[in-house]
Amino acid sequence: MLIQCPNCDTKYNLNESVLGPDGSKVRCIRCDHVFFVAPPGMESTPKSALDSELKEDFDWLDEVETGEVGNGGAKRSEDYSVEIQPTEEPKSKAMTYVVAGLVVAIIALAAFLYSHGPGDTVSSWFGSSEPEQVAEPEVLGPEDVHLISLHNVRQYFVTNEKIGQLFVIEGKARNDFPVPMELFRIEASLFDIAGQVVERQEFLAGNTVSLFQLQILSEQELESALSARVGILANNTNIRPEMDVQFMVVFPNPPDSVQEYGLKVIGAQHPPR
């Protein structure tokens, strides 16, 4: 039969044939608690009654070291000697081991984090917590872009059904540097007869539209098409030496005082490394 110490919950396998007809007192080999074990079918003695009985003389077997326990009374091997062996760790003791293990693990982790630093530890587990620093590209101003030249430039007027008259300038910007360049920025100006600037636009090369689009698109649509980022990134980046990129600029309804125009490259940069 299976019995359990009421003090520490240790369980034992007990041969019920060794119990007396009225039951026996046994001692737990783990916590030394003495408790009464009744035969099958007989109710155990209440704890209060058992405690009073335990005040009486209680002799234990000399063979405690072998795992044998006996009932109270005189020290006789023929008394109801009971051999019991624990079948499982007491719950309270097992829980103590679990808690102690967790405490040790937490202390070890805290010591490791303290010695390495939280940031270093996270970086070692998941890689660097900060993005790699990329060198800023070198941007060239108007005085440094003389090796970017303009070719095949032409200007013309187009009648747009929504806007009216358009003055269009288009051409190609060529990279004459010995290294790749990108993001060519151009300035277009319209001058009157006195050489005064009437209108001026700055734009990035890379986008153009068709003659049909010049005739039907609204002003906002034209502006969006000629400044589209996708075209600039596709056509105006990493321009190798002696390669060129197209450009186009549109002046809606230019003043009648316009007599001439001017173009110049005002910026570019080296590709990121």
Foldseek 3Di string as FASTA:
>chain_A
DWDADPPQRFIKDWDLVLADQQWFWWADLPPRDIATDGHPPDDGDDPVVVVVVVVDAADWEPVVVVQKTGGGDDHDPSHSIIRIDTPDGGPVVVVVVVVVVVVVVVVVVVVVCVVQPVQNVVCVVPNHPDDDDFDDWAKDFQVPQPQWDWPPWDWDWAQAPAQGIKIKIKTKIAHQDQFWWFFWKKKKFFAFPVRDTPDIDIATFQFDDDSVCVHYPDPVVVVCRQRPPVRRVVFGGRHHHGGITMHMDMDGPGDPRTDDMDMGTTMITHHID
